[in-house]
C-alpha atoms as a PDB file:
ATOM      1  CA  UNK A   1      35.030  60.437  66.458  1.00  0.00           C
ATOM      2  CA  UNK A   2      31.717  60.918  68.277  1.00  0.00           C
ATOM      3  CA  UNK A   3      33.180  63.975  70.052  1.00  0.00           C
ATOM      4  CA  UNK A   4      33.677  65.860  66.776  1.00  0.00           C
ATOM      5  CA  UNK A   5      30.978  68.297  65.662  1.00  0.00           C
ATOM      6  CA  UNK A   6      30.920  69.609  62.101  1.00  0.00           C
ATOM      7  CA  UNK A   7      28.027  71.859  63.115  1.00  0.00           C
ATOM      8  CA  UNK A   8      30.035  73.564  65.883  1.00  0.00           C
ATOM      9  CA  UNK A   9      33.010  73.988  63.567  1.00  0.00           C
ATOM     10  CA  UNK A  10      30.825  75.591  60.910  1.00  0.00           C
ATOM     11  CA  UNK A  11      29.074  77.893  63.394  1.00  0.00           C
ATOM     12  CA  UNK A  12      32.393  79.008  64.894  1.00  0.00           C
ATOM     13  CA  UNK A  13      33.778  79.855  61.444  1.00  0.00           C
ATOM     14  CA  UNK A  14      30.644  81.761  60.441  1.00  0.00           C
ATOM     15  CA  UNK A  15      30.706  83.746  63.694  1.00  0.00           C
ATOM     16  CA  UNK A  16      34.115  85.112  62.683  1.00  0.00           C
ATOM     17  CA  UNK A  17      32.777  86.469  59.385  1.00  0.00           C
ATOM     18  CA  UNK A  18      29.148  87.416  59.944  1.00  0.00           C
ATOM     19  CA  UNK A  19      27.050  89.307  62.455  1.00  0.00           C
ATOM     20  CA  UNK A  20      25.080  87.372  65.049  1.00  0.00           C
ATOM     21  CA  UNK A  21      21.578  88.805  65.456  1.00  0.00           C
ATOM     22  CA  UNK A  22      20.578  86.521  68.343  1.00  0.00           C
ATOM     23  CA  UNK A  23      21.908  83.441  70.075  1.00  0.00           C
ATOM     24  CA  UNK A  24      21.219  81.072  72.927  1.00  0.00           C
ATOM     25  CA  UNK A  25      22.028  77.489  73.902  1.00  0.00           C
ATOM     26  CA  UNK A  26      19.883  74.402  73.812  1.00  0.00           C
ATOM     27  CA  UNK A  27      19.472  72.052  76.781  1.00  0.00           C
ATOM     28  CA  UNK A  28      22.807  70.314  76.053  1.00  0.00           C
ATOM     29  CA  UNK A  29      24.674  73.609  75.724  1.00  0.00           C
ATOM     30  CA  UNK A  30      24.899  73.598  71.930  1.00  0.00           C
ATOM     31  CA  UNK A  31      24.443  76.964  70.201  1.00  0.00           C
ATOM     32  CA  UNK A  32      21.340  78.159  68.421  1.00  0.00           C
ATOM     33  CA  UNK A  33      22.557  81.106  66.371  1.00  0.00           C
ATOM     34  CA  UNK A  34      20.739  83.511  64.070  1.00  0.00           C
ATOM     35  CA  UNK A  35      23.136  85.125  61.594  1.00  0.00           C
ATOM     36  CA  UNK A  36      22.451  88.485  59.961  1.00  0.00           C
ATOM     37  CA  UNK A  37      23.530  88.711  56.316  1.00  0.00           C
ATOM     38  CA  UNK A  38      22.572  90.721  53.240  1.00  0.00           C
ATOM     39  CA  UNK A  39      22.027  94.473  53.346  1.00  0.00           C
ATOM     40  CA  UNK A  40      19.907  96.888  55.365  1.00  0.00           C
ATOM     41  CA  UNK A  41      16.700  97.087  53.370  1.00  0.00           C
ATOM     42  CA  UNK A  42      13.506  96.135  55.183  1.00  0.00           C
ATOM     43  CA  UNK A  43      11.361  94.250  55.857  1.00  0.00           C
ATOM     44  CA  UNK A  44      13.842  91.459  56.545  1.00  0.00           C
ATOM     45  CA  UNK A  45      13.509  87.764  55.765  1.00  0.00           C
ATOM     46  CA  UNK A  46      14.179  84.789  58.045  1.00  0.00           C
ATOM     47  CA  UNK A  47      15.335  81.352  56.888  1.00  0.00           C
ATOM     48  CA  UNK A  48      15.341  78.510  59.415  1.00  0.00           C
ATOM     49  CA  UNK A  49      16.147  74.799  59.266  1.00  0.00           C
ATOM     50  CA  UNK A  50      16.564  71.743  61.443  1.00  0.00           C
ATOM     51  CA  UNK A  51      13.369  71.956  63.511  1.00  0.00           C
ATOM     52  CA  UNK A  52      13.898  68.195  63.593  1.00  0.00           C
ATOM     53  CA  UNK A  53      17.477  66.985  63.910  1.00  0.00           C
ATOM     54  CA  UNK A  54      16.727  64.135  61.514  1.00  0.00           C
ATOM     55  CA  UNK A  55      16.114  66.643  58.689  1.00  0.00           C
ATOM     56  CA  UNK A  56      19.808  67.213  58.102  1.00  0.00           C
ATOM     57  CA  UNK A  57      19.754  68.516  54.521  1.00  0.00           C
ATOM     58  CA  UNK A  58      18.135  71.779  55.582  1.00  0.00           C
ATOM     59  CA  UNK A  59      20.844  72.400  58.174  1.00  0.00           C
ATOM     60  CA  UNK A  60      23.612  71.951  55.596  1.00  0.00           C
ATOM     61  CA  UNK A  61      21.733  74.156  53.128  1.00  0.00           C
ATOM     62  CA  UNK A  62      21.209  76.909  55.716  1.00  0.00           C
ATOM     63  CA  UNK A  63      24.868  76.901  56.763  1.00  0.00           C
ATOM     64  CA  UNK A  64      25.859  77.328  53.110  1.00  0.00           C
ATOM     65  CA  UNK A  65      23.178  79.976  52.630  1.00  0.00           C
ATOM     66  CA  UNK A  66      24.906  82.269  55.131  1.00  0.00           C
ATOM     67  CA  UNK A  67      27.875  82.363  52.751  1.00  0.00           C
ATOM     68  CA  UNK A  68      25.830  82.827  49.578  1.00  0.00           C
ATOM     69  CA  UNK A  69      23.291  85.561  50.340  1.00  0.00           C
ATOM     70  CA  UNK A  70      23.946  88.605  48.155  1.00  0.00           C
ATOM     71  CA  UNK A  71      20.913  90.898  48.355  1.00  0.00           C
ATOM     72  CA  UNK A  72      20.335  94.381  49.730  1.00  0.00           C
ATOM     73  CA  UNK A  73      17.532  93.045  51.901  1.00  0.00           C
ATOM     74  CA  UNK A  74      18.378  92.097  55.484  1.00  0.00           C
ATOM     75  CA  UNK A  75      18.338  88.315  55.839  1.00  0.00           C
ATOM     76  CA  UNK A  76      18.443  86.301  59.057  1.00  0.00           C
ATOM     77  CA  UNK A  77      19.489  82.635  58.959  1.00  0.00           C
ATOM     78  CA  UNK A  78      18.999  80.126  61.789  1.00  0.00           C
ATOM     79  CA  UNK A  79      20.787  76.973  60.561  1.00  0.00           C
ATOM     80  CA  UNK A  80      19.542  74.542  63.224  1.00  0.00           C
ATOM     81  CA  UNK A  81      16.614  74.767  65.598  1.00  0.00           C
ATOM     82  CA  UNK A  82      17.560  71.387  67.141  1.00  0.00           C
ATOM     83  CA  UNK A  83      21.374  71.201  67.241  1.00  0.00           C
ATOM     84  CA  UNK A  84      21.395  68.343  69.759  1.00  0.00           C
ATOM     85  CA  UNK A  85      19.204  66.197  67.506  1.00  0.00           C
ATOM     86  CA  UNK A  86      21.484  66.945  64.565  1.00  0.00           C
ATOM     87  CA  UNK A  87      24.406  65.346  66.445  1.00  0.00           C
ATOM     88  CA  UNK A  88      23.144  61.853  67.149  1.00  0.00           C
ATOM     89  CA  UNK A  89      23.265  59.358  69.995  1.00  0.00           C
ATOM     90  CA  UNK A  90      27.034  58.874  70.313  1.00  0.00           C
ATOM     91  CA  UNK A  91      27.736  62.597  70.597  1.00  0.00           C
ATOM     92  CA  UNK A  92      24.877  63.279  73.020  1.00  0.00           C
ATOM     93  CA  UNK A  93      25.663  60.355  75.320  1.00  0.00           C
ATOM     94  CA  UNK A  94      29.368  61.244  75.288  1.00  0.00           C
ATOM     95  CA  UNK A  95      28.503  64.764  76.437  1.00  0.00           C
ATOM     96  CA  UNK A  96      26.149  63.515  79.130  1.00  0.00           C
ATOM     97  CA  UNK A  97      28.577  60.883  80.422  1.00  0.00           C
ATOM     98  CA  UNK A  98      31.654  63.098  80.195  1.00  0.00           C
ATOM     99  CA  UNK A  99      33.595  60.479  78.262  1.00  0.00           C
ATOM    100  CA  UNK A 100      33.911  59.299  74.674  1.00  0.00           C
ATOM    101  CA  UNK A 101      31.419  56.550  73.790  1.00  0.00           C
ATOM    102  CA  UNK A 102      30.194  55.109  70.514  1.00  0.00           C
ATOM    103  CA  UNK A 103      26.822  53.491  69.876  1.00  0.00           C
ATOM    104  CA  UNK A 104      26.201  52.175  66.383  1.00  0.00           C
ATOM    105  CA  UNK A 105      23.184  49.903  66.868  1.00  0.00           C
ATOM    106  CA  UNK A 106      20.049  49.919  69.049  1.00  0.00           C
ATOM    107  CA  UNK A 107      21.601  47.078  71.050  1.00  0.00           C
ATOM    108  CA  UNK A 108      24.699  49.215  71.720  1.00  0.00           C
ATOM    109  CA  UNK A 109      22.543  52.067  72.968  1.00  0.00           C
ATOM    110  CA  UNK A 110      20.437  49.862  75.223  1.00  0.00           C
ATOM    111  CA  UNK A 111      23.496  48.234  76.794  1.00  0.00           C
ATOM    112  CA  UNK A 112      25.205  51.556  77.377  1.00  0.00           C
ATOM    113  CA  UNK A 113      22.138  53.109  78.968  1.00  0.00           C
ATOM    114  CA  UNK A 114      21.641  50.072  81.200  1.00  0.00           C
ATOM    115  CA  UNK A 115      25.281  50.147  82.329  1.00  0.00           C
ATOM    116  CA  UNK A 116      24.982  53.884  83.054  1.00  0.00           C
ATOM    117  CA  UNK A 117      22.024  53.303  85.354  1.00  0.00           C
ATOM    118  CA  UNK A 118      19.205  54.497  83.103  1.00  0.00           C
ATOM    119  CA  UNK A 119      15.645  53.631  84.118  1.00  0.00           C
ATOM    120  CA  UNK A 120      14.012  51.514  81.430  1.00  0.00           C
ATOM    121  CA  UNK A 121      10.358  52.533  81.027  1.00  0.00           C
ATOM    122  CA  UNK A 122       9.462  50.626  77.844  1.00  0.00           C
ATOM    123  CA  UNK A 123      11.113  47.657  76.193  1.00  0.00           C
ATOM    124  CA  UNK A 124       8.927  45.970  73.590  1.00  0.00           C
ATOM    125  CA  UNK A 125       9.597  44.630  70.118  1.00  0.00           C
ATOM    126  CA  UNK A 126       8.443  47.961  68.675  1.00  0.00           C
ATOM    127  CA  UNK A 127       9.670  50.568  71.126  1.00  0.00           C
ATOM    128  CA  UNK A 128      12.376  51.132  73.732  1.00  0.00           C
ATOM    129  CA  UNK A 129      12.391  54.061  76.156  1.00  0.00           C
ATOM    130  CA  UNK A 130      14.809  54.754  78.991  1.00  0.00           C
ATOM    131  CA  UNK A 131      15.202  57.771  81.258  1.00  0.00           C
ATOM    132  CA  UNK A 132      18.765  58.949  81.899  1.00  0.00           C
ATOM    133  CA  UNK A 133      19.617  62.073  83.888  1.00  0.00           C
ATOM    134  CA  UNK A 134      16.112  63.376  83.303  1.00  0.00           C
ATOM    135  CA  UNK A 135      16.225  62.894  79.527  1.00  0.00           C
ATOM    136  CA  UNK A 136      14.410  60.155  77.634  1.00  0.00           C
ATOM    137  CA  UNK A 137      16.134  58.073  74.968  1.00  0.00           C
ATOM    138  CA  UNK A 138      13.815  56.185  72.631  1.00  0.00           C
ATOM    139  CA  UNK A 139      14.389  53.779  69.746  1.00  0.00           C
ATOM    140  CA  UNK A 140      11.598  52.402  67.604  1.00  0.00           C
ATOM    141  CA  UNK A 141      11.525  49.489  65.200  1.00  0.00           C
ATOM    142  CA  UNK A 142      10.059  51.978  62.711  1.00  0.00           C
ATOM    143  CA  UNK A 143      11.421  55.396  61.758  1.00  0.00           C
ATOM    144  CA  UNK A 144      11.160  58.365  64.105  1.00  0.00           C
ATOM    145  CA  UNK A 145       7.992  59.762  62.548  1.00  0.00           C
ATOM    146  CA  UNK A 146       6.017  56.530  62.958  1.00  0.00           C
ATOM    147  CA  UNK A 147       7.649  55.765  66.309  1.00  0.00           C
ATOM    148  CA  UNK A 148       6.566  59.173  67.644  1.00  0.00           C
ATOM    149  CA  UNK A 149       2.902  58.280  67.165  1.00  0.00           C
ATOM    150  CA  UNK A 150       3.419  54.897  68.843  1.00  0.00           C
ATOM    151  CA  UNK A 151       5.300  56.513  71.726  1.00  0.00           C
ATOM    152  CA  UNK A 152       2.417  58.869  72.428  1.00  0.00           C
ATOM    153  CA  UNK A 153      -0.043  55.968  72.514  1.00  0.00           C
ATOM    154  CA  UNK A 154       2.196  53.931  74.817  1.00  0.00           C
ATOM    155  CA  UNK A 155       2.738  56.782  77.262  1.00  0.00           C
ATOM    156  CA  UNK A 156      -1.004  57.289  77.554  1.00  0.00           C
ATOM    157  CA  UNK A 157      -1.971  53.613  77.772  1.00  0.00           C
ATOM    158  CA  UNK A 158       0.719  52.878  80.373  1.00  0.00           C
ATOM    159  CA  UNK A 159      -0.121  56.057  82.335  1.00  0.00           C
ATOM    160  CA  UNK A 160       3.386  57.443  81.966  1.00  0.00           C
ATOM    161  CA  UNK A 161       2.469  60.754  80.338  1.00  0.00           C
ATOM    162  CA  UNK A 162       1.758  62.652  83.548  1.00  0.00           C
ATOM    163  CA  UNK A 163       4.985  61.615  85.286  1.00  0.00           C
ATOM    164  CA  UNK A 164       6.996  62.535  82.170  1.00  0.00           C
ATOM    165  CA  UNK A 165       5.286  65.888  81.587  1.00  0.00           C
ATOM    166  CA  UNK A 166       7.886  68.434  80.490  1.00  0.00           C
ATOM    167  CA  UNK A 167      10.497  65.744  79.744  1.00  0.00           C
ATOM    168  CA  UNK A 168      12.589  65.784  76.580  1.00  0.00           C
ATOM    169  CA  UNK A 169      12.759  62.488  74.736  1.00  0.00           C
ATOM    170  CA  UNK A 170      15.395  61.917  72.047  1.00  0.00           C
ATOM    171  CA  UNK A 171      14.019  59.524  69.453  1.00  0.00           C
ATOM    172  CA  UNK A 172      16.438  57.756  67.088  1.00  0.00           C
ATOM    173  CA  UNK A 173      15.942  58.603  63.403  1.00  0.00           C
ATOM    174  CA  UNK A 174      15.908  54.971  62.220  1.00  0.00           C
ATOM    175  CA  UNK A 175      16.103  56.127  58.593  1.00  0.00           C
ATOM    176  CA  UNK A 176      19.068  54.047  57.394  1.00  0.00           C
ATOM    177  CA  UNK A 177      18.136  54.448  53.729  1.00  0.00           C
ATOM    178  CA  UNK A 178      18.095  58.264  53.934  1.00  0.00           C
ATOM    179  CA  UNK A 179      21.621  59.417  53.109  1.00  0.00           C
ATOM    180  CA  UNK A 180      23.001  61.700  55.812  1.00  0.00           C
ATOM    181  CA  UNK A 181      20.507  60.518  58.427  1.00  0.00           C
ATOM    182  CA  UNK A 182      21.010  56.846  59.287  1.00  0.00           C
ATOM    183  CA  UNK A 183      19.784  54.966  62.336  1.00  0.00           C
ATOM    184  CA  UNK A 184      21.212  56.608  65.469  1.00  0.00           C
ATOM    185  CA  UNK A 185      23.172  59.396  63.752  1.00  0.00           C
ATOM    186  CA  UNK A 186      20.298  61.896  64.041  1.00  0.00           C
ATOM    187  CA  UNK A 187      17.642  62.321  66.698  1.00  0.00           C
ATOM    188  CA  UNK A 188      14.137  63.754  66.794  1.00  0.00           C
ATOM    189  CA  UNK A 189      13.721  65.825  69.965  1.00  0.00           C
ATOM    190  CA  UNK A 190      10.294  65.445  71.547  1.00  0.00           C
ATOM    191  CA  UNK A 191       8.625  67.149  74.493  1.00  0.00           C
ATOM    192  CA  UNK A 192       5.936  65.485  76.606  1.00  0.00           C
ATOM    193  CA  UNK A 193       3.285  68.067  77.384  1.00  0.00           C
ATOM    194  CA  UNK A 194      -0.273  67.589  78.668  1.00  0.00           C
ATOM    195  CA  UNK A 195      -0.471  63.997  77.480  1.00  0.00           C
ATOM    196  CA  UNK A 196       0.882  64.775  74.022  1.00  0.00           C
ATOM    197  CA  UNK A 197       4.277  64.195  72.440  1.00  0.00           C
ATOM    198  CA  UNK A 198       5.313  67.414  70.679  1.00  0.00           C
ATOM    199  CA  UNK A 199       8.282  68.566  68.606  1.00  0.00           C
ATOM    200  CA  UNK A 200      10.088  71.889  68.266  1.00  0.00           C
ATOM    201  CA  UNK A 201       7.786  72.448  65.298  1.00  0.00           C
ATOM    202  CA  UNK A 202       4.940  73.078  67.752  1.00  0.00           C
ATOM    203  CA  UNK A 203       5.522  76.811  68.179  1.00  0.00           C
ATOM    204  CA  UNK A 204       2.805  77.177  70.800  1.00  0.00           C
ATOM    205  CA  UNK A 205       4.619  74.854  73.211  1.00  0.00           C
ATOM    206  CA  UNK A 206       5.282  76.778  76.420  1.00  0.00           C
ATOM    207  CA  UNK A 207       8.394  76.746  78.595  1.00  0.00           C
ATOM    208  CA  UNK A 208      10.696  75.180  76.003  1.00  0.00           C
ATOM    209  CA  UNK A 209      13.697  77.507  75.529  1.00  0.00           C
ATOM    210  CA  UNK A 210      14.501  76.327  72.001  1.00  0.00           C
ATOM    211  CA  UNK A 211      10.923  77.017  70.910  1.00  0.00           C
ATOM    212  CA  UNK A 212      10.712  80.303  72.801  1.00  0.00           C
ATOM    213  CA  UNK A 213      13.907  81.495  71.106  1.00  0.00           C
ATOM    214  CA  UNK A 214      12.351  81.155  67.642  1.00  0.00           C
ATOM    215  CA  UNK A 215       8.955  82.435  68.717  1.00  0.00           C
ATOM    216  CA  UNK A 216      10.406  85.537  70.385  1.00  0.00           C
ATOM    217  CA  UNK A 217      12.536  86.378  67.367  1.00  0.00           C
ATOM    218  CA  UNK A 218       9.567  86.145  65.017  1.00  0.00           C
ATOM    219  CA  UNK A 219       7.523  88.325  67.375  1.00  0.00           C
ATOM    220  CA  UNK A 220      10.298  90.879  67.874  1.00  0.00           C
ATOM    221  CA  UNK A 221      11.343  91.405  64.255  1.00  0.00           C
ATOM    222  CA  UNK A 222       9.086  92.990  61.672  1.00  0.00           C
ATOM    223  CA  UNK A 223       9.657  90.181  59.189  1.00  0.00           C
ATOM    224  CA  UNK A 224       8.415  90.278  55.628  1.00  0.00           C
ATOM    225  CA  UNK A 225       9.120  86.634  54.779  1.00  0.00           C
ATOM    226  CA  UNK A 226       9.812  83.406  56.670  1.00  0.00           C
ATOM    227  CA  UNK A 227      11.190  80.292  54.955  1.00  0.00           C
ATOM    228  CA  UNK A 228      11.453  76.984  56.840  1.00  0.00           C
ATOM    229  CA  UNK A 229      13.522  74.172  55.268  1.00  0.00           C
ATOM    230  CA  UNK A 230      12.229  70.615  55.678  1.00  0.00           C
ATOM    231  CA  UNK A 231      12.359  67.025  54.447  1.00  0.00           C
ATOM    232  CA  UNK A 232       9.552  64.487  54.169  1.00  0.00           C
ATOM    233  CA  UNK A 233       9.695  60.712  53.843  1.00  0.00           C
ATOM    234  CA  UNK A 234       6.308  60.598  52.075  1.00  0.00           C
ATOM    235  CA  UNK A 235       7.080  63.177  49.413  1.00  0.00           C
ATOM    236  CA  UNK A 236       8.060  61.872  45.961  1.00  0.00           C
ATOM    237  CA  UNK A 237       9.487  65.254  44.901  1.00  0.00           C
ATOM    238  CA  UNK A 238      10.005  68.880  45.990  1.00  0.00           C
ATOM    239  CA  UNK A 239       7.040  70.970  47.100  1.00  0.00           C
ATOM    240  CA  UNK A 240       6.158  74.140  49.001  1.00  0.00           C
ATOM    241  CA  UNK A 241       3.645  74.166  51.832  1.00  0.00           C
ATOM    242  CA  UNK A 242       1.790  77.173  53.229  1.00  0.00           C
ATOM    243  CA  UNK A 243      -0.810  77.572  55.950  1.00  0.00           C
ATOM    244  CA  UNK A 244      -3.281  79.407  53.736  1.00  0.00           C
ATOM    245  CA  UNK A 245      -3.937  79.803  50.032  1.00  0.00           C
ATOM    246  CA  UNK A 246      -1.062  81.882  48.622  1.00  0.00           C
ATOM    247  CA  UNK A 247      -1.582  85.544  47.800  1.00  0.00           C
ATOM    248  CA  UNK A 248      -0.579  87.047  44.454  1.00  0.00           C
ATOM    249  CA  UNK A 249       2.636  88.356  46.025  1.00  0.00           C
ATOM    250  CA  UNK A 250       3.494  84.927  47.396  1.00  0.00           C
ATOM    251  CA  UNK A 251       2.774  83.291  44.048  1.00  0.00           C
ATOM    252  CA  UNK A 252       5.218  85.677  42.381  1.00  0.00           C
ATOM    253  CA  UNK A 253       7.944  84.388  44.694  1.00  0.00           C
ATOM    254  CA  UNK A 254       6.854  80.759  44.406  1.00  0.00           C
ATOM    255  CA  UNK A 255       6.849  80.637  40.623  1.00  0.00           C
ATOM    256  CA  UNK A 256      10.479  81.789  40.565  1.00  0.00           C
ATOM    257  CA  UNK A 257      11.369  79.240  43.241  1.00  0.00           C
ATOM    258  CA  UNK A 258       9.714  76.390  41.364  1.00  0.00           C
ATOM    259  CA  UNK A 259      11.342  77.433  38.085  1.00  0.00           C
ATOM    260  CA  UNK A 260      14.793  77.457  39.664  1.00  0.00           C
ATOM    261  CA  UNK A 261      14.214  74.108  41.376  1.00  0.00           C
ATOM    262  CA  UNK A 262      13.210  72.564  38.048  1.00  0.00           C
ATOM    263  CA  UNK A 263      16.225  74.094  36.327  1.00  0.00           C
ATOM    264  CA  UNK A 264      18.434  72.552  38.990  1.00  0.00           C
ATOM    265  CA  UNK A 265      16.951  69.186  38.050  1.00  0.00           C
ATOM    266  CA  UNK A 266      14.676  68.320  40.976  1.00  0.00           C
ATOM    267  CA  UNK A 267      11.182  67.147  40.088  1.00  0.00           C
ATOM    268  CA  UNK A 268       8.135  68.896  41.527  1.00  0.00           C
ATOM    269  CA  UNK A 269       5.443  66.950  43.361  1.00  0.00           C
ATOM    270  CA  UNK A 270       2.358  66.855  41.153  1.00  0.00           C
ATOM    271  CA  UNK A 271      -1.089  67.895  42.338  1.00  0.00           C
ATOM    272  CA  UNK A 272      -2.111  64.304  43.112  1.00  0.00           C
ATOM    273  CA  UNK A 273       0.962  63.743  45.307  1.00  0.00           C
ATOM    274  CA  UNK A 274       0.351  67.022  47.153  1.00  0.00           C
ATOM    275  CA  UNK A 275      -3.272  66.069  47.827  1.00  0.00           C
ATOM    276  CA  UNK A 276      -2.073  62.667  49.094  1.00  0.00           C
ATOM    277  CA  UNK A 277      -0.024  64.529  51.720  1.00  0.00           C
ATOM    278  CA  UNK A 278      -3.213  66.116  53.038  1.00  0.00           C
ATOM    279  CA  UNK A 279      -2.648  69.509  51.413  1.00  0.00           C
ATOM    280  CA  UNK A 280      -4.933  71.399  49.069  1.00  0.00           C
ATOM    281  CA  UNK A 281      -3.027  71.656  45.794  1.00  0.00           C
ATOM    282  CA  UNK A 282      -2.609  75.042  44.124  1.00  0.00           C
ATOM    283  CA  UNK A 283      -0.428  73.743  41.306  1.00  0.00           C
ATOM    284  CA  UNK A 284       2.348  71.226  40.838  1.00  0.00           C
ATOM    285  CA  UNK A 285       4.792  71.879  43.679  1.00  0.00           C
ATOM    286  CA  UNK A 286       2.490  74.055  45.825  1.00  0.00           C
ATOM    287  CA  UNK A 287      -0.091  73.182  48.482  1.00  0.00           C
ATOM    288  CA  UNK A 288      -1.514  74.606  51.673  1.00  0.00           C
ATOM    289  CA  UNK A 289      -3.027  73.451  54.963  1.00  0.00           C
ATOM    290  CA  UNK A 290      -2.813  74.614  58.545  1.00  0.00           C
ATOM    291  CA  UNK A 291      -1.025  72.148  60.786  1.00  0.00           C
ATOM    292  CA  UNK A 292       1.511  70.940  58.229  1.00  0.00           C
ATOM    293  CA  UNK A 293       4.321  73.257  59.372  1.00  0.00           C
ATOM    294  CA  UNK A 294       4.193  74.946  62.754  1.00  0.00           C
ATOM    295  CA  UNK A 295       6.396  77.889  61.830  1.00  0.00           C
ATOM    296  CA  UNK A 296       4.345  78.793  58.757  1.00  0.00           C
ATOM    297  CA  UNK A 297       1.208  78.566  60.891  1.00  0.00           C
ATOM    298  CA  UNK A 298       2.758  80.864  63.468  1.00  0.00           C
ATOM    299  CA  UNK A 299       4.194  83.395  61.028  1.00  0.00           C
ATOM    300  CA  UNK A 300       1.561  83.485  58.286  1.00  0.00           C
ATOM    301  CA  UNK A 301      -0.350  86.419  59.782  1.00  0.00           C
ATOM    302  CA  UNK A 302       2.864  88.438  60.122  1.00  0.00           C
ATOM    303  CA  UNK A 303       4.755  87.681  56.908  1.00  0.00           C
ATOM    304  CA  UNK A 304       4.908  85.601  53.764  1.00  0.00           C
ATOM    305  CA  UNK A 305       5.556  82.141  55.190  1.00  0.00           C
ATOM    306  CA  UNK A 306       6.726  79.072  53.253  1.00  0.00           C
ATOM    307  CA  UNK A 307       7.933  75.571  54.069  1.00  0.00           C
ATOM    308  CA  UNK A 308      10.251  74.182  51.377  1.00  0.00           C
ATOM    309  CA  UNK A 309      10.294  70.391  51.426  1.00  0.00           C
ATOM    310  CA  UNK A 310      12.544  67.817  49.756  1.00  0.00           C
ATOM    311  CA  UNK A 311      12.043  64.022  49.740  1.00  0.00           C
ATOM    312  CA  UNK A 312      14.280  61.883  51.961  1.00  0.00           C
ATOM    313  CA  UNK A 313      14.536  59.359  49.121  1.00  0.00           C
ATOM    314  CA  UNK A 314      16.836  61.605  47.075  1.00  0.00           C
ATOM    315  CA  UNK A 315      20.632  61.685  47.590  1.00  0.00           C
ATOM    316  CA  UNK A 316      21.838  64.046  50.325  1.00  0.00           C
ATOM    317  CA  UNK A 317      23.672  66.317  47.886  1.00  0.00           C
ATOM    318  CA  UNK A 318      20.528  66.746  45.786  1.00  0.00           C
ATOM    319  CA  UNK A 319      18.429  67.544  48.855  1.00  0.00           C
ATOM    320  CA  UNK A 320      20.931  70.096  50.143  1.00  0.00           C
ATOM    321  CA  UNK A 321      21.335  71.785  46.760  1.00  0.00           C
ATOM    322  CA  UNK A 322      17.590  71.862  46.109  1.00  0.00           C
ATOM    323  CA  UNK A 323      16.832  73.533  49.427  1.00  0.00           C
ATOM    324  CA  UNK A 324      19.695  75.975  48.901  1.00  0.00           C
ATOM    325  CA  UNK A 325      18.507  76.878  45.392  1.00  0.00           C
ATOM    326  CA  UNK A 326      14.929  77.296  46.618  1.00  0.00           C
ATOM    327  CA  UNK A 327      15.929  79.512  49.551  1.00  0.00           C
ATOM    328  CA  UNK A 328      18.205  81.726  47.447  1.00  0.00           C
ATOM    329  CA  UNK A 329      15.543  82.061  44.770  1.00  0.00           C
ATOM    330  CA  UNK A 330      12.960  83.091  47.346  1.00  0.00           C
ATOM    331  CA  UNK A 331      15.310  85.690  48.841  1.00  0.00           C
ATOM    332  CA  UNK A 332      16.141  87.145  45.430  1.00  0.00           C
ATOM    333  CA  UNK A 333      12.469  87.330  44.451  1.00  0.00           C
ATOM    334  CA  UNK A 334      11.502  88.831  47.791  1.00  0.00           C
ATOM    335  CA  UNK A 335      14.233  91.462  47.536  1.00  0.00           C
ATOM    336  CA  UNK A 336      12.978  92.563  44.129  1.00  0.00           C
ATOM    337  CA  UNK A 337       9.220  92.185  44.494  1.00  0.00           C
ATOM    338  CA  UNK A 338       8.615  93.414  48.038  1.00  0.00           C
END
């Protein structure tokens, strides 16, 4: 049923067993929770996932990670930075309407929004956008990542950006071939700000509670390492991204991570593939560039900061396990080396 939430069930169970270091709610009232696990040694590490609701494997991996951490170092885990996006269109619209609804196709969503009195702002062959109770719902003919770029262009060309400034827009994943993601089952949450269409990955975005929650925690805690779990449709294999060229201490951690990922059976992106993603390759499986991951950009001057990335093309179980193995390996190496 669209009213069921595996995420809420998991969070409720984990709250009964583990300490909560910080918590808040997103705009729909769903919990953002940072769990404290591990021991008391400092500096602590932070693992986050789900900056985009469409990147579901990281959320599953982070929820499992809370149960698996066994180090003396203090570890904080934020399983989902965008819990609403993780839930999909049926769940979100049911909550907003106060009744159980199900939308399985773009046509279903458009009809439901029209019947509910939504204001249709765009309706072309490539992009649909409607405003309902102050929240935008968008569906592209392409996947969410390509549709985001088109949406920004359309808002500017049609002079809609100013009137929508500060508005959240929920963009359908439209990744039916990515197991665990689908078409409308996950959403990418966007924020219109100063003529741009931003995501929760833009840590400098002001006045967005979900972003401020992460930013404040990073500022408040004297973190030694930050790991952000991601997925990428362009990546042929697993890789690690950093904002700057890795230090010797970071390389010590990364080599263990890459070794464990290979032992699990996931291929590493080669240097050519990493360069094709716009990163400067350090080795197979490692690249760096500012602007690739907002959290690593934000945290890199304060702590070791890594983005672990799996390809959407792999089965969901493989993506979840790979991110879990990588995160655990990084925590174990950090606990020993730092």
